[in-house]
Amino acid sequence: MISIVMPAHNEEGYLEPAVKLVVTGMRDRAVDFEVIIVENGSVDNTKIGAAALSKAFPEVLVQSSPVPDYGRALKSGFQTARGEIVVNFDVDLVDLDFLDRALASMDESDVAIVVGSKRSPGAEDRRGAGRRLITAIFAAVLRLGFGLRISDTHGLKALRREPLVPLVDTCRFGKDIFDTELILRTERAGLVVGEIPVVVSEQRAPRTSIARRIPHALIGLVRLRVALIMGR
């Protein structure tokens, strides 16, 4: 089984077409799958829309949390997933071609995580200059301050569930840091993390402003650095 985890915060108008695209694509591939929508802290009709999708498609499951937290939503979805492979699609970033290439990579190697990188050779990042700048700064900090060996940690990912369960349970941070923490812990555990280039473009306005994301991300990285140094 393949489990697809989709965090959803205030995604009214975007969630339904994204989930339908995933369900149709997975059915066309004739594979056993589930889609886990993790609604978190929405103040629009996202929760209602998610419930309607779960009634329309038997493969769709819904979790809900009153707290808007992307990282915690990812973690919760992974911990609920039943599939051997867990795939992270954002509502505004569904890429079934990435899924096909990631699964092929996992079939050919013992890679634990495959990241859809916006920064590796062959990738194309069509987002705004501000978001590209944040990604570049974030990547530089991770490479120089944490020894990260891949070029990107956010966005599309395919994860092999069994070896990662104990690492996911160990992760302490949410928000924009969870997937970064998981990848760092995976590398430090001696597991293989790979990446393949993807094309990324903006489908909607960012949910948080650049002015808010930068300080939150930097504070989160400082806390993560301290936790890793102390072996927590």
C-alpha atoms as a PDB file:
ATOM      1  CA  MET A   1       0.000   0.000   0.000  1.00  0.00           C
ATOM      2  CA  ILE A   2       1.014   3.595  -0.666  1.00  0.00           C
ATOM      3  CA  SER A   3      -0.162   6.210   1.844  1.00  0.00           C
ATOM      4  CA  ILE A   4      -0.423   9.800   0.641  1.00  0.00           C
ATOM      5  CA  VAL A   5      -0.469  12.407   3.404  1.00  0.00           C
ATOM      6  CA  MET A   6      -1.894  15.836   2.566  1.00  0.00           C
ATOM      7  CA  PRO A   7      -1.868  18.536   5.280  1.00  0.00           C
ATOM      8  CA  ALA A   8      -4.687  21.038   4.786  1.00  0.00           C
ATOM      9  CA  HIS A   9      -4.992  24.432   6.471  1.00  0.00           C
ATOM     10  CA  ASN A  10      -7.530  26.876   4.999  1.00  0.00           C
ATOM     11  CA  GLU A  11      -7.529  25.072   1.646  1.00  0.00           C
ATOM     12  CA  GLU A  12     -11.167  25.664   0.697  1.00  0.00           C
ATOM     13  CA  GLY A  13     -11.380  25.699  -3.084  1.00  0.00           C
ATOM     14  CA  TYR A  14      -8.043  23.925  -3.515  1.00  0.00           C
ATOM     15  CA  LEU A  15      -8.467  20.719  -1.527  1.00  0.00           C
ATOM     16  CA  GLU A  16     -11.165  19.039  -3.632  1.00  0.00           C
ATOM     17  CA  PRO A  17      -9.416  19.245  -7.044  1.00  0.00           C
ATOM     18  CA  ALA A  18      -6.088  18.227  -5.478  1.00  0.00           C
ATOM     19  CA  VAL A  19      -7.544  15.139  -3.798  1.00  0.00           C
ATOM     20  CA  LYS A  20      -9.519  14.174  -6.898  1.00  0.00           C
ATOM     21  CA  LEU A  21      -6.318  14.420  -8.952  1.00  0.00           C
ATOM     22  CA  VAL A  22      -4.527  12.109  -6.514  1.00  0.00           C
ATOM     23  CA  VAL A  23      -7.354   9.569  -6.300  1.00  0.00           C
ATOM     24  CA  THR A  24      -7.824   9.433 -10.073  1.00  0.00           C
ATOM     25  CA  GLY A  25      -4.095   9.137 -10.668  1.00  0.00           C
ATOM     26  CA  MET A  26      -3.625   6.373  -8.129  1.00  0.00           C
ATOM     27  CA  ARG A  27      -6.632   4.428  -9.406  1.00  0.00           C
ATOM     28  CA  ASP A  28      -5.221   4.688 -12.935  1.00  0.00           C
ATOM     29  CA  ARG A  29      -1.994   3.144 -11.631  1.00  0.00           C
ATOM     30  CA  ALA A  30      -3.971   0.207 -10.211  1.00  0.00           C
ATOM     31  CA  VAL A  31      -2.163   0.240  -6.868  1.00  0.00           C
ATOM     32  CA  ASP A  32      -3.454  -0.162  -3.321  1.00  0.00           C
ATOM     33  CA  PHE A  33      -3.470   3.274  -1.716  1.00  0.00           C
ATOM     34  CA  GLU A  34      -4.967   5.575   0.869  1.00  0.00           C
ATOM     35  CA  VAL A  35      -5.120   9.366   1.058  1.00  0.00           C
ATOM     36  CA  ILE A  36      -4.879  10.897   4.533  1.00  0.00           C
ATOM     37  CA  ILE A  37      -6.082  14.498   4.720  1.00  0.00           C
ATOM     38  CA  VAL A  38      -4.794  16.124   7.909  1.00  0.00           C
ATOM     39  CA  GLU A  39      -6.930  19.221   8.392  1.00  0.00           C
ATOM     40  CA  ASN A  40      -5.309  21.513  10.937  1.00  0.00           C
ATOM     41  CA  GLY A  41      -6.695  24.707  12.384  1.00  0.00           C
ATOM     42  CA  SER A  42      -8.776  25.769   9.382  1.00  0.00           C
ATOM     43  CA  VAL A  43     -11.243  28.631   9.837  1.00  0.00           C
ATOM     44  CA  ASP A  44     -12.882  28.232   6.432  1.00  0.00           C
ATOM     45  CA  ASN A  45     -14.802  25.235   5.049  1.00  0.00           C
ATOM     46  CA  THR A  46     -11.771  22.978   4.612  1.00  0.00           C
ATOM     47  CA  LYS A  47     -12.946  20.583   7.330  1.00  0.00           C
ATOM     48  CA  ILE A  48     -16.382  20.244   5.724  1.00  0.00           C
ATOM     49  CA  GLY A  49     -14.820  19.708   2.308  1.00  0.00           C
ATOM     50  CA  ALA A  50     -12.489  17.038   3.673  1.00  0.00           C
ATOM     51  CA  ALA A  51     -15.418  15.176   5.234  1.00  0.00           C
ATOM     52  CA  ALA A  52     -17.285  15.275   1.924  1.00  0.00           C
ATOM     53  CA  LEU A  53     -14.272  13.847   0.110  1.00  0.00           C
ATOM     54  CA  SER A  54     -14.004  10.985   2.600  1.00  0.00           C
ATOM     55  CA  LYS A  55     -17.630  10.109   1.863  1.00  0.00           C
ATOM     56  CA  ALA A  56     -17.136  10.323  -1.886  1.00  0.00           C
ATOM     57  CA  PHE A  57     -13.943   8.258  -2.013  1.00  0.00           C
ATOM     58  CA  PRO A  58     -13.426   5.173   0.194  1.00  0.00           C
ATOM     59  CA  GLU A  59      -9.647   5.597  -0.074  1.00  0.00           C
ATOM     60  CA  VAL A  60      -9.768   9.002   1.659  1.00  0.00           C
ATOM     61  CA  LEU A  61      -9.362   9.300   5.435  1.00  0.00           C
ATOM     62  CA  VAL A  62      -9.555  12.526   7.422  1.00  0.00           C
ATOM     63  CA  GLN A  63      -7.828  13.657  10.584  1.00  0.00           C
ATOM     64  CA  SER A  64      -8.507  17.006  12.201  1.00  0.00           C
ATOM     65  CA  SER A  65      -6.673  19.161  14.733  1.00  0.00           C
ATOM     66  CA  PRO A  66      -7.700  22.571  16.085  1.00  0.00           C
ATOM     67  CA  VAL A  67      -4.095  23.811  15.933  1.00  0.00           C
ATOM     68  CA  PRO A  68      -2.650  25.089  12.642  1.00  0.00           C
ATOM     69  CA  ASP A  69       0.677  23.254  12.458  1.00  0.00           C
ATOM     70  CA  TYR A  70       2.003  21.890   9.180  1.00  0.00           C
ATOM     71  CA  GLY A  71       4.771  19.828  10.758  1.00  0.00           C
ATOM     72  CA  ARG A  72       2.519  18.210  13.350  1.00  0.00           C
ATOM     73  CA  ALA A  73       0.050  17.420  10.573  1.00  0.00           C
ATOM     74  CA  LEU A  74       2.774  15.637   8.602  1.00  0.00           C
ATOM     75  CA  LYS A  75       3.862  13.692  11.667  1.00  0.00           C
ATOM     76  CA  SER A  76       0.319  12.686  12.571  1.00  0.00           C
ATOM     77  CA  GLY A  77      -0.385  11.544   9.025  1.00  0.00           C
ATOM     78  CA  PHE A  78       2.794   9.459   8.917  1.00  0.00           C
ATOM     79  CA  GLN A  79       2.000   7.823  12.251  1.00  0.00           C
ATOM     80  CA  THR A  80      -1.489   6.915  11.013  1.00  0.00           C
ATOM     81  CA  ALA A  81      -0.351   5.664   7.604  1.00  0.00           C
ATOM     82  CA  ARG A  82      -0.568   1.959   6.856  1.00  0.00           C
ATOM     83  CA  GLY A  83       1.397   1.941   3.622  1.00  0.00           C
ATOM     84  CA  GLU A  84       4.902   0.622   3.142  1.00  0.00           C
ATOM     85  CA  ILE A  85       5.640   3.915   1.373  1.00  0.00           C
ATOM     86  CA  VAL A  86       4.347   7.251   2.679  1.00  0.00           C
ATOM     87  CA  VAL A  87       4.216  10.161   0.252  1.00  0.00           C
ATOM     88  CA  ASN A  88       3.838  13.826   1.192  1.00  0.00           C
ATOM     89  CA  PHE A  89       1.840  15.962  -1.229  1.00  0.00           C
ATOM     90  CA  ASP A  90       0.887  19.513  -0.351  1.00  0.00           C
ATOM     91  CA  VAL A  91      -2.523  20.623  -1.560  1.00  0.00           C
ATOM     92  CA  ASP A  92      -0.850  23.096  -3.914  1.00  0.00           C
ATOM     93  CA  LEU A  93       1.875  20.665  -4.949  1.00  0.00           C
ATOM     94  CA  VAL A  94       0.604  17.366  -6.362  1.00  0.00           C
ATOM     95  CA  ASP A  95       3.132  15.739  -8.682  1.00  0.00           C
ATOM     96  CA  LEU A  96       2.345  12.171  -9.733  1.00  0.00           C
ATOM     97  CA  ASP A  97       5.407  12.108 -11.980  1.00  0.00           C
ATOM     98  CA  PHE A  98       7.531  12.640  -8.860  1.00  0.00           C
ATOM     99  CA  LEU A  99       5.699   9.718  -7.246  1.00  0.00           C
ATOM    100  CA  ASP A 100       6.503   7.433 -10.175  1.00  0.00           C
ATOM    101  CA  ARG A 101      10.174   8.411 -10.195  1.00  0.00           C
ATOM    102  CA  ALA A 102      10.493   8.156  -6.408  1.00  0.00           C
ATOM    103  CA  LEU A 103       8.966   4.662  -6.358  1.00  0.00           C
ATOM    104  CA  ALA A 104      11.325   3.580  -9.130  1.00  0.00           C
ATOM    105  CA  SER A 105      14.270   4.894  -7.114  1.00  0.00           C
ATOM    106  CA  MET A 106      13.093   3.006  -4.046  1.00  0.00           C
ATOM    107  CA  ASP A 107      12.717  -0.198  -6.059  1.00  0.00           C
ATOM    108  CA  GLU A 108      16.307   0.100  -7.265  1.00  0.00           C
ATOM    109  CA  SER A 109      18.017   1.062  -3.988  1.00  0.00           C
ATOM    110  CA  ASP A 110      17.724   1.003  -0.202  1.00  0.00           C
ATOM    111  CA  VAL A 111      17.004   4.732  -0.015  1.00  0.00           C
ATOM    112  CA  ALA A 112      14.829   5.601   3.026  1.00  0.00           C
ATOM    113  CA  ILE A 113      13.636   9.014   1.836  1.00  0.00           C
ATOM    114  CA  VAL A 114      13.402  10.513  -1.633  1.00  0.00           C
ATOM    115  CA  VAL A 115      13.057  14.299  -1.681  1.00  0.00           C
ATOM    116  CA  GLY A 116      11.641  16.231  -4.614  1.00  0.00           C
ATOM    117  CA  SER A 117      14.280  18.934  -4.697  1.00  0.00           C
ATOM    118  CA  LYS A 118      13.724  22.445  -5.993  1.00  0.00           C
ATOM    119  CA  ARG A 119      17.493  23.047  -5.950  1.00  0.00           C
ATOM    120  CA  SER A 120      19.195  19.973  -7.412  1.00  0.00           C
ATOM    121  CA  PRO A 121      20.540  19.945 -10.993  1.00  0.00           C
ATOM    122  CA  GLY A 122      17.666  19.764 -13.439  1.00  0.00           C
ATOM    123  CA  ALA A 123      15.136  21.294 -11.027  1.00  0.00           C
ATOM    124  CA  GLU A 124      13.114  24.374 -11.915  1.00  0.00           C
ATOM    125  CA  ASP A 125      11.791  26.700  -9.215  1.00  0.00           C
ATOM    126  CA  ARG A 126       9.176  29.018 -10.709  1.00  0.00           C
ATOM    127  CA  ARG A 127       8.030  30.533  -7.418  1.00  0.00           C
ATOM    128  CA  GLY A 128       8.451  34.199  -6.532  1.00  0.00           C
ATOM    129  CA  ALA A 129      11.869  35.672  -5.781  1.00  0.00           C
ATOM    130  CA  GLY A 130      11.094  35.995  -2.057  1.00  0.00           C
ATOM    131  CA  ARG A 131      10.275  32.322  -1.606  1.00  0.00           C
ATOM    132  CA  ARG A 132      13.306  31.264  -3.636  1.00  0.00           C
ATOM    133  CA  LEU A 133      15.491  33.460  -1.432  1.00  0.00           C
ATOM    134  CA  ILE A 134      14.126  31.874   1.751  1.00  0.00           C
ATOM    135  CA  THR A 135      14.788  28.401   0.342  1.00  0.00           C
ATOM    136  CA  ALA A 136      18.370  29.349  -0.571  1.00  0.00           C
ATOM    137  CA  ILE A 137      19.110  30.818   2.869  1.00  0.00           C
ATOM    138  CA  PHE A 138      17.497  27.869   4.631  1.00  0.00           C
ATOM    139  CA  ALA A 139      19.501  25.393   2.547  1.00  0.00           C
ATOM    140  CA  ALA A 140      22.770  27.238   3.231  1.00  0.00           C
ATOM    141  CA  VAL A 141      22.142  27.246   6.980  1.00  0.00           C
ATOM    142  CA  LEU A 142      21.361  23.521   6.940  1.00  0.00           C
ATOM    143  CA  ARG A 143      24.432  22.680   4.877  1.00  0.00           C
ATOM    144  CA  LEU A 144      26.887  24.794   6.891  1.00  0.00           C
ATOM    145  CA  GLY A 145      25.346  24.504  10.352  1.00  0.00           C
ATOM    146  CA  PHE A 146      23.998  20.944  10.298  1.00  0.00           C
ATOM    147  CA  GLY A 147      26.010  19.163   7.639  1.00  0.00           C
ATOM    148  CA  LEU A 148      22.953  18.392   5.507  1.00  0.00           C
ATOM    149  CA  ARG A 149      24.047  16.369   2.482  1.00  0.00           C
ATOM    150  CA  ILE A 150      21.064  16.946   0.172  1.00  0.00           C
ATOM    151  CA  SER A 151      19.983  20.254  -1.349  1.00  0.00           C
ATOM    152  CA  ASP A 152      16.413  20.608  -0.065  1.00  0.00           C
ATOM    153  CA  THR A 153      14.168  19.349   2.744  1.00  0.00           C
ATOM    154  CA  HIS A 154      10.753  20.919   2.127  1.00  0.00           C
ATOM    155  CA  GLY A 155       8.016  19.876  -0.257  1.00  0.00           C
ATOM    156  CA  LEU A 156       7.513  16.551  -2.011  1.00  0.00           C
ATOM    157  CA  LYS A 157       8.818  13.452  -0.260  1.00  0.00           C
ATOM    158  CA  ALA A 158       8.469   9.670  -0.444  1.00  0.00           C
ATOM    159  CA  LEU A 159       9.376   7.826   2.751  1.00  0.00           C
ATOM    160  CA  ARG A 160       9.893   4.167   3.564  1.00  0.00           C
ATOM    161  CA  ARG A 161       7.709   3.773   6.637  1.00  0.00           C
ATOM    162  CA  GLU A 162       9.229   0.847   8.565  1.00  0.00           C
ATOM    163  CA  PRO A 163      12.792   2.162   9.129  1.00  0.00           C
ATOM    164  CA  LEU A 164      11.544   5.697   9.766  1.00  0.00           C
ATOM    165  CA  VAL A 165       8.909   4.988  12.442  1.00  0.00           C
ATOM    166  CA  PRO A 166      11.330   5.307  15.397  1.00  0.00           C
ATOM    167  CA  LEU A 167      12.870   8.464  13.923  1.00  0.00           C
ATOM    168  CA  VAL A 168       9.485  10.092  13.343  1.00  0.00           C
ATOM    169  CA  ASP A 169       8.516   9.300  16.933  1.00  0.00           C
ATOM    170  CA  THR A 170      11.744  10.970  18.092  1.00  0.00           C
ATOM    171  CA  CYS A 171      11.138  14.229  16.203  1.00  0.00           C
ATOM    172  CA  ARG A 172      10.256  17.033  18.597  1.00  0.00           C
ATOM    173  CA  PHE A 173       9.455  20.000  16.369  1.00  0.00           C
ATOM    174  CA  GLY A 174       6.496  20.929  14.182  1.00  0.00           C
ATOM    175  CA  LYS A 175       5.633  23.936  11.999  1.00  0.00           C
ATOM    176  CA  ASP A 176       8.175  24.305   9.161  1.00  0.00           C
ATOM    177  CA  ILE A 177      10.863  22.249  10.911  1.00  0.00           C
ATOM    178  CA  PHE A 178       9.454  18.701  11.183  1.00  0.00           C
ATOM    179  CA  ASP A 179      10.475  17.414   7.766  1.00  0.00           C
ATOM    180  CA  THR A 180      13.898  19.043   8.095  1.00  0.00           C
ATOM    181  CA  GLU A 181      14.402  17.440  11.498  1.00  0.00           C
ATOM    182  CA  LEU A 182      13.354  14.038  10.155  1.00  0.00           C
ATOM    183  CA  ILE A 183      15.776  14.219   7.232  1.00  0.00           C
ATOM    184  CA  LEU A 184      18.651  15.300   9.478  1.00  0.00           C
ATOM    185  CA  ARG A 185      17.919  12.490  11.927  1.00  0.00           C
ATOM    186  CA  THR A 186      17.681  10.042   9.022  1.00  0.00           C
ATOM    187  CA  GLU A 187      21.079  11.055   7.667  1.00  0.00           C
ATOM    188  CA  ARG A 188      22.621  10.887  11.142  1.00  0.00           C
ATOM    189  CA  ALA A 189      21.168   7.404  11.625  1.00  0.00           C
ATOM    190  CA  GLY A 190      23.136   6.239   8.588  1.00  0.00           C
ATOM    191  CA  LEU A 191      20.090   5.744   6.367  1.00  0.00           C
ATOM    192  CA  VAL A 192      20.171   6.842   2.746  1.00  0.00           C
ATOM    193  CA  VAL A 193      18.384  10.046   1.700  1.00  0.00           C
ATOM    194  CA  GLY A 194      18.152  10.701  -2.024  1.00  0.00           C
ATOM    195  CA  GLU A 195      16.721  13.485  -4.130  1.00  0.00           C
ATOM    196  CA  ILE A 196      15.352  13.957  -7.616  1.00  0.00           C
ATOM    197  CA  PRO A 197      14.745  17.281  -9.386  1.00  0.00           C
ATOM    198  CA  VAL A 198      11.219  18.656  -9.686  1.00  0.00           C
ATOM    199  CA  VAL A 199       9.497  21.635 -11.261  1.00  0.00           C
ATOM    200  CA  VAL A 200       7.697  23.841  -8.719  1.00  0.00           C
ATOM    201  CA  SER A 201       5.389  26.787  -9.349  1.00  0.00           C
ATOM    202  CA  GLU A 202       3.009  28.773  -7.155  1.00  0.00           C
ATOM    203  CA  GLN A 203      -0.617  27.665  -7.384  1.00  0.00           C
ATOM    204  CA  ARG A 204      -1.884  30.111  -4.752  1.00  0.00           C
ATOM    205  CA  ALA A 205      -0.616  32.805  -2.399  1.00  0.00           C
ATOM    206  CA  PRO A 206       1.586  31.564   0.498  1.00  0.00           C
ATOM    207  CA  ARG A 207      -0.299  30.844   3.723  1.00  0.00           C
ATOM    208  CA  THR A 208       2.260  32.809   5.771  1.00  0.00           C
ATOM    209  CA  SER A 209       4.184  35.951   4.809  1.00  0.00           C
ATOM    210  CA  ILE A 210       7.930  36.018   4.233  1.00  0.00           C
ATOM    211  CA  ALA A 211       8.349  38.432   7.150  1.00  0.00           C
ATOM    212  CA  ARG A 212       6.788  35.880   9.508  1.00  0.00           C
ATOM    213  CA  ARG A 213       8.410  32.763   8.101  1.00  0.00           C
ATOM    214  CA  ILE A 214      12.032  33.892   8.317  1.00  0.00           C
ATOM    215  CA  PRO A 215      12.212  34.549  12.092  1.00  0.00           C
ATOM    216  CA  HIS A 216      10.076  31.490  12.902  1.00  0.00           C
ATOM    217  CA  ALA A 217      12.292  29.267  10.759  1.00  0.00           C
ATOM    218  CA  LEU A 218      15.521  30.643  12.232  1.00  0.00           C
ATOM    219  CA  ILE A 219      14.289  30.234  15.806  1.00  0.00           C
ATOM    220  CA  GLY A 220      13.183  26.715  14.995  1.00  0.00           C
ATOM    221  CA  LEU A 221      16.599  25.869  13.553  1.00  0.00           C
ATOM    222  CA  VAL A 222      18.371  27.188  16.641  1.00  0.00           C
ATOM    223  CA  ARG A 223      16.184  25.021  18.878  1.00  0.00           C
ATOM    224  CA  LEU A 224      16.735  22.031  16.614  1.00  0.00           C
ATOM    225  CA  ARG A 225      20.500  22.552  16.662  1.00  0.00           C
ATOM    226  CA  VAL A 226      20.515  22.585  20.465  1.00  0.00           C
ATOM    227  CA  ALA A 227      18.355  19.439  20.621  1.00  0.00           C
ATOM    228  CA  LEU A 228      20.626  17.536  18.231  1.00  0.00           C
ATOM    229  CA  ILE A 229      23.773  18.589  20.053  1.00  0.00           C
ATOM    230  CA  MET A 230      22.279  17.395  23.339  1.00  0.00           C
ATOM    231  CA  GLY A 231      21.212  14.135  21.738  1.00  0.00           C
ATOM    232  CA  ARG A 232      17.509  14.652  22.290  1.00  0.00           C
END
